């Protein structure tokens, strides 16, 4: 999780929601801070981390994305990682899935997501803590848990005339699947009704809160 700020404001943003864009657009004068807020339900939200560090009075903004779109992007993120075993992703998946996985399907992904949804992350025996945190942040974390009513909602893919936001935002959504350097043969994605129902229920409140 991360936030960036200067004297005019602070923008909170999260994995699979504009991080690549912000790395490309952020000009001088903005400070970037990353931290582990993998347990928002336990109070480790980005907003509380920011207030703890800086005790600010600047306007607060939160960059959001359709939570269903973000969730599916998380699947493709791990699908890619699995193909070339990035940082031993295959070992992590096999450990968490509790049996040998030969293909990273959406069914496998959903089973892993449900493990984290149904178990407190702090209670999981973590042979590879970095992987547990990374998977949670990319595929399980709900941005709605980070929102407070003093934040202004900013949708990914929009621009703003606001002095603080204007240099940061672009209408272009950076998507690895559509990158000209993409070397992967992405399979067709078919989501079973039981999975779709689970996803819709998981993010129903967040979709309503952010107007999607």
C-alpha atoms as a PDB file:
ATOM      1  CA  UNK A   1       0.000   0.000   0.000  1.00  0.00           C
ATOM      2  CA  UNK A   2       1.197   3.538  -0.534  1.00  0.00           C
ATOM      3  CA  UNK A   3       0.401   7.224  -0.423  1.00  0.00           C
ATOM      4  CA  UNK A   4       2.047  10.279  -1.893  1.00  0.00           C
ATOM      5  CA  UNK A   5       1.757  13.856  -0.726  1.00  0.00           C
ATOM      6  CA  UNK A   6       3.033  17.396  -0.751  1.00  0.00           C
ATOM      7  CA  UNK A   7       1.861  20.594   0.919  1.00  0.00           C
ATOM      8  CA  UNK A   8      -1.372  20.586  -1.130  1.00  0.00           C
ATOM      9  CA  UNK A   9      -2.724  17.132  -0.330  1.00  0.00           C
ATOM     10  CA  UNK A  10      -2.268  13.391   0.029  1.00  0.00           C
ATOM     11  CA  UNK A  11      -3.371  10.666  -2.384  1.00  0.00           C
ATOM     12  CA  UNK A  12      -3.901   7.118  -1.126  1.00  0.00           C
ATOM     13  CA  UNK A  13      -3.573   4.353  -3.717  1.00  0.00           C
ATOM     14  CA  UNK A  14      -3.269   0.580  -3.735  1.00  0.00           C
ATOM     15  CA  UNK A  15      -2.068  -2.445  -5.669  1.00  0.00           C
ATOM     16  CA  UNK A  16      -3.837  -2.962  -9.010  1.00  0.00           C
ATOM     17  CA  UNK A  17      -5.166   0.577  -8.881  1.00  0.00           C
ATOM     18  CA  UNK A  18      -2.940   3.125 -10.587  1.00  0.00           C
ATOM     19  CA  UNK A  19       0.478   2.385  -9.088  1.00  0.00           C
ATOM     20  CA  UNK A  20       2.185   2.079 -12.490  1.00  0.00           C
ATOM     21  CA  UNK A  21       0.501   5.260 -13.732  1.00  0.00           C
ATOM     22  CA  UNK A  22       1.633   7.232 -10.701  1.00  0.00           C
ATOM     23  CA  UNK A  23       5.209   6.026 -11.051  1.00  0.00           C
ATOM     24  CA  UNK A  24       5.163   7.376 -14.586  1.00  0.00           C
ATOM     25  CA  UNK A  25       3.439  10.689 -13.882  1.00  0.00           C
ATOM     26  CA  UNK A  26       4.672  11.785 -10.441  1.00  0.00           C
ATOM     27  CA  UNK A  27       6.718  14.987 -10.797  1.00  0.00           C
ATOM     28  CA  UNK A  28       9.250  16.421  -8.375  1.00  0.00           C
ATOM     29  CA  UNK A  29       7.876  17.806  -5.150  1.00  0.00           C
ATOM     30  CA  UNK A  30       5.734  14.791  -4.244  1.00  0.00           C
ATOM     31  CA  UNK A  31       6.860  12.362  -1.532  1.00  0.00           C
ATOM     32  CA  UNK A  32       6.065   8.648  -2.025  1.00  0.00           C
ATOM     33  CA  UNK A  33       5.643   6.381   1.008  1.00  0.00           C
ATOM     34  CA  UNK A  34       5.033   2.630   0.972  1.00  0.00           C
ATOM     35  CA  UNK A  35       4.006   0.612   3.981  1.00  0.00           C
ATOM     36  CA  UNK A  36       2.335  -2.645   4.913  1.00  0.00           C
ATOM     37  CA  UNK A  37      -1.358  -2.111   5.592  1.00  0.00           C
ATOM     38  CA  UNK A  38      -2.233  -5.743   4.984  1.00  0.00           C
ATOM     39  CA  UNK A  39      -4.527  -5.772   8.008  1.00  0.00           C
ATOM     40  CA  UNK A  40      -6.979  -2.872   7.540  1.00  0.00           C
ATOM     41  CA  UNK A  41      -9.582  -4.710   9.605  1.00  0.00           C
ATOM     42  CA  UNK A  42      -7.120  -4.600  12.515  1.00  0.00           C
ATOM     43  CA  UNK A  43      -6.684  -0.847  12.150  1.00  0.00           C
ATOM     44  CA  UNK A  44      -3.582  -0.757   9.974  1.00  0.00           C
ATOM     45  CA  UNK A  45      -5.144   1.430   7.313  1.00  0.00           C
ATOM     46  CA  UNK A  46      -3.180   3.754   5.071  1.00  0.00           C
ATOM     47  CA  UNK A  47      -4.995   6.791   6.468  1.00  0.00           C
ATOM     48  CA  UNK A  48      -3.994   5.936  10.042  1.00  0.00           C
ATOM     49  CA  UNK A  49      -0.414   5.278   8.940  1.00  0.00           C
ATOM     50  CA  UNK A  50      -0.307   8.681   7.270  1.00  0.00           C
ATOM     51  CA  UNK A  51      -1.676  10.479  10.318  1.00  0.00           C
ATOM     52  CA  UNK A  52       0.737   8.618  12.580  1.00  0.00           C
ATOM     53  CA  UNK A  53       3.728   9.726  10.507  1.00  0.00           C
ATOM     54  CA  UNK A  54       2.782  13.268   9.568  1.00  0.00           C
ATOM     55  CA  UNK A  55      -0.190  14.514  11.652  1.00  0.00           C
ATOM     56  CA  UNK A  56      -1.375  16.456   8.596  1.00  0.00           C
ATOM     57  CA  UNK A  57      -4.165  18.851   7.774  1.00  0.00           C
ATOM     58  CA  UNK A  58      -3.978  18.563   3.954  1.00  0.00           C
ATOM     59  CA  UNK A  59      -6.979  17.426   1.879  1.00  0.00           C
ATOM     60  CA  UNK A  60      -7.112  13.648   1.441  1.00  0.00           C
ATOM     61  CA  UNK A  61      -7.926  11.794  -1.789  1.00  0.00           C
ATOM     62  CA  UNK A  62      -8.312   8.087  -2.536  1.00  0.00           C
ATOM     63  CA  UNK A  63      -7.703   6.620  -6.007  1.00  0.00           C
ATOM     64  CA  UNK A  64     -10.254   3.907  -6.748  1.00  0.00           C
ATOM     65  CA  UNK A  65     -11.107   1.419  -9.462  1.00  0.00           C
ATOM     66  CA  UNK A  66     -14.146  -0.757 -10.096  1.00  0.00           C
ATOM     67  CA  UNK A  67     -13.485  -3.443  -7.449  1.00  0.00           C
ATOM     68  CA  UNK A  68     -14.574  -6.296  -9.743  1.00  0.00           C
ATOM     69  CA  UNK A  69     -12.249  -5.083 -12.496  1.00  0.00           C
ATOM     70  CA  UNK A  70      -9.457  -4.753  -9.937  1.00  0.00           C
ATOM     71  CA  UNK A  71     -10.102  -8.257  -8.609  1.00  0.00           C
ATOM     72  CA  UNK A  72      -9.871  -9.803 -12.075  1.00  0.00           C
ATOM     73  CA  UNK A  73      -6.685  -7.820 -12.705  1.00  0.00           C
ATOM     74  CA  UNK A  74      -5.304  -9.452  -9.564  1.00  0.00           C
ATOM     75  CA  UNK A  75      -5.993 -12.863 -11.065  1.00  0.00           C
ATOM     76  CA  UNK A  76      -4.122 -12.011 -14.272  1.00  0.00           C
ATOM     77  CA  UNK A  77      -1.280 -10.632 -12.166  1.00  0.00           C
ATOM     78  CA  UNK A  78      -0.796 -14.004 -10.469  1.00  0.00           C
ATOM     79  CA  UNK A  79      -1.485 -15.928 -13.640  1.00  0.00           C
ATOM     80  CA  UNK A  80       1.517 -14.140 -15.210  1.00  0.00           C
ATOM     81  CA  UNK A  81       3.669 -14.670 -12.146  1.00  0.00           C
ATOM     82  CA  UNK A  82       2.835 -18.370 -12.194  1.00  0.00           C
ATOM     83  CA  UNK A  83       3.842 -18.771 -15.876  1.00  0.00           C
ATOM     84  CA  UNK A  84       7.491 -17.884 -15.261  1.00  0.00           C
ATOM     85  CA  UNK A  85       7.539 -18.736 -11.538  1.00  0.00           C
ATOM     86  CA  UNK A  86       8.359 -15.178 -10.512  1.00  0.00           C
ATOM     87  CA  UNK A  87      10.023 -15.256  -7.060  1.00  0.00           C
ATOM     88  CA  UNK A  88       9.020 -18.935  -6.730  1.00  0.00           C
ATOM     89  CA  UNK A  89       5.305 -18.258  -7.064  1.00  0.00           C
ATOM     90  CA  UNK A  90       4.624 -21.902  -7.952  1.00  0.00           C
ATOM     91  CA  UNK A  91       5.978 -23.072  -4.594  1.00  0.00           C
ATOM     92  CA  UNK A  92       3.829 -20.513  -2.800  1.00  0.00           C
ATOM     93  CA  UNK A  93       0.677 -21.584  -4.679  1.00  0.00           C
ATOM     94  CA  UNK A  94       1.309 -25.287  -3.994  1.00  0.00           C
ATOM     95  CA  UNK A  95       1.868 -24.621  -0.283  1.00  0.00           C
ATOM     96  CA  UNK A  96      -1.300 -22.570   0.042  1.00  0.00           C
ATOM     97  CA  UNK A  97      -3.385 -24.846  -2.207  1.00  0.00           C
ATOM     98  CA  UNK A  98      -2.104 -27.876  -0.285  1.00  0.00           C
ATOM     99  CA  UNK A  99      -1.557 -29.940  -3.414  1.00  0.00           C
ATOM    100  CA  UNK A 100       0.335 -29.794  -6.686  1.00  0.00           C
ATOM    101  CA  UNK A 101      -1.045 -27.196  -9.084  1.00  0.00           C
ATOM    102  CA  UNK A 102      -0.224 -27.723 -12.757  1.00  0.00           C
ATOM    103  CA  UNK A 103      -2.171 -24.731 -14.098  1.00  0.00           C
ATOM    104  CA  UNK A 104      -3.139 -21.478 -12.415  1.00  0.00           C
ATOM    105  CA  UNK A 105      -6.843 -21.433 -13.218  1.00  0.00           C
ATOM    106  CA  UNK A 106      -9.498 -19.096 -11.882  1.00  0.00           C
ATOM    107  CA  UNK A 107     -10.779 -21.975  -9.736  1.00  0.00           C
ATOM    108  CA  UNK A 108      -7.363 -22.250  -8.061  1.00  0.00           C
ATOM    109  CA  UNK A 109      -7.247 -18.489  -7.607  1.00  0.00           C
ATOM    110  CA  UNK A 110     -10.662 -18.396  -5.939  1.00  0.00           C
ATOM    111  CA  UNK A 111      -9.719 -21.199  -3.553  1.00  0.00           C
ATOM    112  CA  UNK A 112      -6.658 -19.193  -2.483  1.00  0.00           C
ATOM    113  CA  UNK A 113      -8.680 -15.986  -2.086  1.00  0.00           C
ATOM    114  CA  UNK A 114     -11.196 -17.769   0.129  1.00  0.00           C
ATOM    115  CA  UNK A 115      -8.385 -18.983   2.393  1.00  0.00           C
ATOM    116  CA  UNK A 116      -7.500 -15.375   3.184  1.00  0.00           C
ATOM    117  CA  UNK A 117     -11.111 -14.225   3.370  1.00  0.00           C
ATOM    118  CA  UNK A 118     -11.956 -16.946   5.883  1.00  0.00           C
ATOM    119  CA  UNK A 119      -8.797 -16.787   8.001  1.00  0.00           C
ATOM    120  CA  UNK A 120      -7.182 -13.872   9.779  1.00  0.00           C
ATOM    121  CA  UNK A 121      -3.951 -13.229   7.926  1.00  0.00           C
ATOM    122  CA  UNK A 122      -2.054 -12.907  11.192  1.00  0.00           C
ATOM    123  CA  UNK A 123      -3.136 -16.458  12.090  1.00  0.00           C
ATOM    124  CA  UNK A 124      -1.887 -18.070   8.879  1.00  0.00           C
ATOM    125  CA  UNK A 125       1.307 -20.059   9.288  1.00  0.00           C
ATOM    126  CA  UNK A 126       3.489 -18.237   6.841  1.00  0.00           C
ATOM    127  CA  UNK A 127       6.422 -20.154   5.358  1.00  0.00           C
ATOM    128  CA  UNK A 128       6.866 -17.240   2.939  1.00  0.00           C
ATOM    129  CA  UNK A 129       5.486 -14.064   4.610  1.00  0.00           C
ATOM    130  CA  UNK A 130       6.318 -11.859   1.623  1.00  0.00           C
ATOM    131  CA  UNK A 131       4.091 -13.969  -0.624  1.00  0.00           C
ATOM    132  CA  UNK A 132       1.217 -13.943   1.851  1.00  0.00           C
ATOM    133  CA  UNK A 133       1.295 -10.166   2.130  1.00  0.00           C
ATOM    134  CA  UNK A 134       1.706  -9.669  -1.610  1.00  0.00           C
ATOM    135  CA  UNK A 135      -1.154 -12.018  -2.496  1.00  0.00           C
ATOM    136  CA  UNK A 136      -3.441 -10.373   0.039  1.00  0.00           C
ATOM    137  CA  UNK A 137      -2.654  -6.881  -1.241  1.00  0.00           C
ATOM    138  CA  UNK A 138      -3.069  -7.762  -4.930  1.00  0.00           C
ATOM    139  CA  UNK A 139      -5.986 -10.184  -4.795  1.00  0.00           C
ATOM    140  CA  UNK A 140      -7.910 -10.037  -1.512  1.00  0.00           C
ATOM    141  CA  UNK A 141      -7.618  -6.513  -0.110  1.00  0.00           C
ATOM    142  CA  UNK A 142     -10.752  -4.371  -0.430  1.00  0.00           C
ATOM    143  CA  UNK A 143     -10.088  -0.658  -1.015  1.00  0.00           C
ATOM    144  CA  UNK A 144     -13.413   0.047   0.673  1.00  0.00           C
ATOM    145  CA  UNK A 145     -11.784  -0.903   3.983  1.00  0.00           C
ATOM    146  CA  UNK A 146      -9.371   2.015   3.544  1.00  0.00           C
ATOM    147  CA  UNK A 147     -11.951   4.706   2.840  1.00  0.00           C
ATOM    148  CA  UNK A 148     -12.961   7.346   5.390  1.00  0.00           C
ATOM    149  CA  UNK A 149     -15.612   9.980   4.757  1.00  0.00           C
ATOM    150  CA  UNK A 150     -13.089  12.840   4.840  1.00  0.00           C
ATOM    151  CA  UNK A 151     -11.486  11.517   1.629  1.00  0.00           C
ATOM    152  CA  UNK A 152     -12.446  12.708  -1.837  1.00  0.00           C
ATOM    153  CA  UNK A 153     -12.956   9.790  -4.227  1.00  0.00           C
ATOM    154  CA  UNK A 154     -10.919   9.903  -7.450  1.00  0.00           C
ATOM    155  CA  UNK A 155     -11.653   7.324 -10.146  1.00  0.00           C
ATOM    156  CA  UNK A 156      -8.812   5.703 -12.046  1.00  0.00           C
ATOM    157  CA  UNK A 157      -8.940   6.799 -15.679  1.00  0.00           C
ATOM    158  CA  UNK A 158     -10.129  10.345 -14.987  1.00  0.00           C
ATOM    159  CA  UNK A 159      -8.308  13.672 -14.845  1.00  0.00           C
ATOM    160  CA  UNK A 160      -8.749  16.671 -12.569  1.00  0.00           C
ATOM    161  CA  UNK A 161      -8.168  20.417 -12.602  1.00  0.00           C
ATOM    162  CA  UNK A 162      -7.210  20.239  -8.925  1.00  0.00           C
ATOM    163  CA  UNK A 163      -3.697  21.650  -8.407  1.00  0.00           C
ATOM    164  CA  UNK A 164      -2.550  18.629  -6.430  1.00  0.00           C
ATOM    165  CA  UNK A 165      -4.149  15.913  -8.581  1.00  0.00           C
ATOM    166  CA  UNK A 166      -3.716  17.342 -12.088  1.00  0.00           C
ATOM    167  CA  UNK A 167      -0.035  16.322 -12.583  1.00  0.00           C
ATOM    168  CA  UNK A 168      -0.698  12.792 -11.319  1.00  0.00           C
ATOM    169  CA  UNK A 169      -3.743  11.589 -13.232  1.00  0.00           C
ATOM    170  CA  UNK A 170      -4.060  10.245 -16.756  1.00  0.00           C
ATOM    171  CA  UNK A 171      -7.013   8.906 -18.711  1.00  0.00           C
ATOM    172  CA  UNK A 172      -4.831   5.999 -19.863  1.00  0.00           C
ATOM    173  CA  UNK A 173      -5.237   2.847 -17.781  1.00  0.00           C
ATOM    174  CA  UNK A 174      -1.966   0.931 -17.749  1.00  0.00           C
ATOM    175  CA  UNK A 175      -2.800  -2.734 -18.393  1.00  0.00           C
ATOM    176  CA  UNK A 176      -0.149  -5.435 -18.767  1.00  0.00           C
ATOM    177  CA  UNK A 177      -2.486  -7.499 -20.947  1.00  0.00           C
ATOM    178  CA  UNK A 178      -2.616  -4.708 -23.521  1.00  0.00           C
ATOM    179  CA  UNK A 179       1.052  -3.775 -23.322  1.00  0.00           C
ATOM    180  CA  UNK A 180       2.890  -3.826 -26.662  1.00  0.00           C
ATOM    181  CA  UNK A 181       5.617  -5.914 -25.014  1.00  0.00           C
ATOM    182  CA  UNK A 182       3.152  -8.541 -23.759  1.00  0.00           C
ATOM    183  CA  UNK A 183       4.560 -12.010 -24.479  1.00  0.00           C
ATOM    184  CA  UNK A 184       1.796 -14.057 -22.864  1.00  0.00           C
ATOM    185  CA  UNK A 185      -0.952 -16.007 -24.587  1.00  0.00           C
ATOM    186  CA  UNK A 186      -3.802 -15.189 -22.247  1.00  0.00           C
ATOM    187  CA  UNK A 187      -6.538 -17.837 -22.096  1.00  0.00           C
ATOM    188  CA  UNK A 188     -10.216 -16.992 -22.316  1.00  0.00           C
ATOM    189  CA  UNK A 189     -11.563 -16.194 -18.875  1.00  0.00           C
ATOM    190  CA  UNK A 190     -14.691 -18.059 -17.860  1.00  0.00           C
ATOM    191  CA  UNK A 191     -15.967 -17.348 -14.355  1.00  0.00           C
ATOM    192  CA  UNK A 192     -18.321 -19.918 -12.865  1.00  0.00           C
ATOM    193  CA  UNK A 193     -21.575 -18.573 -11.435  1.00  0.00           C
ATOM    194  CA  UNK A 194     -20.583 -19.666  -7.915  1.00  0.00           C
ATOM    195  CA  UNK A 195     -17.387 -17.604  -8.143  1.00  0.00           C
ATOM    196  CA  UNK A 196     -19.156 -14.608  -9.637  1.00  0.00           C
ATOM    197  CA  UNK A 197     -21.687 -14.624  -6.802  1.00  0.00           C
ATOM    198  CA  UNK A 198     -18.884 -14.758  -4.236  1.00  0.00           C
ATOM    199  CA  UNK A 199     -17.046 -11.828  -5.865  1.00  0.00           C
ATOM    200  CA  UNK A 200     -20.190  -9.708  -6.158  1.00  0.00           C
ATOM    201  CA  UNK A 201     -21.028 -10.295  -2.497  1.00  0.00           C
ATOM    202  CA  UNK A 202     -17.453  -9.579  -1.426  1.00  0.00           C
ATOM    203  CA  UNK A 203     -17.360  -6.157  -3.105  1.00  0.00           C
ATOM    204  CA  UNK A 204     -21.027  -5.152  -3.081  1.00  0.00           C
ATOM    205  CA  UNK A 205     -20.629  -2.418  -0.441  1.00  0.00           C
ATOM    206  CA  UNK A 206     -17.473  -1.044  -2.052  1.00  0.00           C
ATOM    207  CA  UNK A 207     -19.104  -0.835  -5.484  1.00  0.00           C
ATOM    208  CA  UNK A 208     -21.972   1.152  -3.993  1.00  0.00           C
ATOM    209  CA  UNK A 209     -19.662   3.359  -1.910  1.00  0.00           C
ATOM    210  CA  UNK A 210     -17.540   4.334  -4.919  1.00  0.00           C
ATOM    211  CA  UNK A 211     -20.448   4.585  -7.360  1.00  0.00           C
ATOM    212  CA  UNK A 212     -19.623   1.641  -9.646  1.00  0.00           C
END
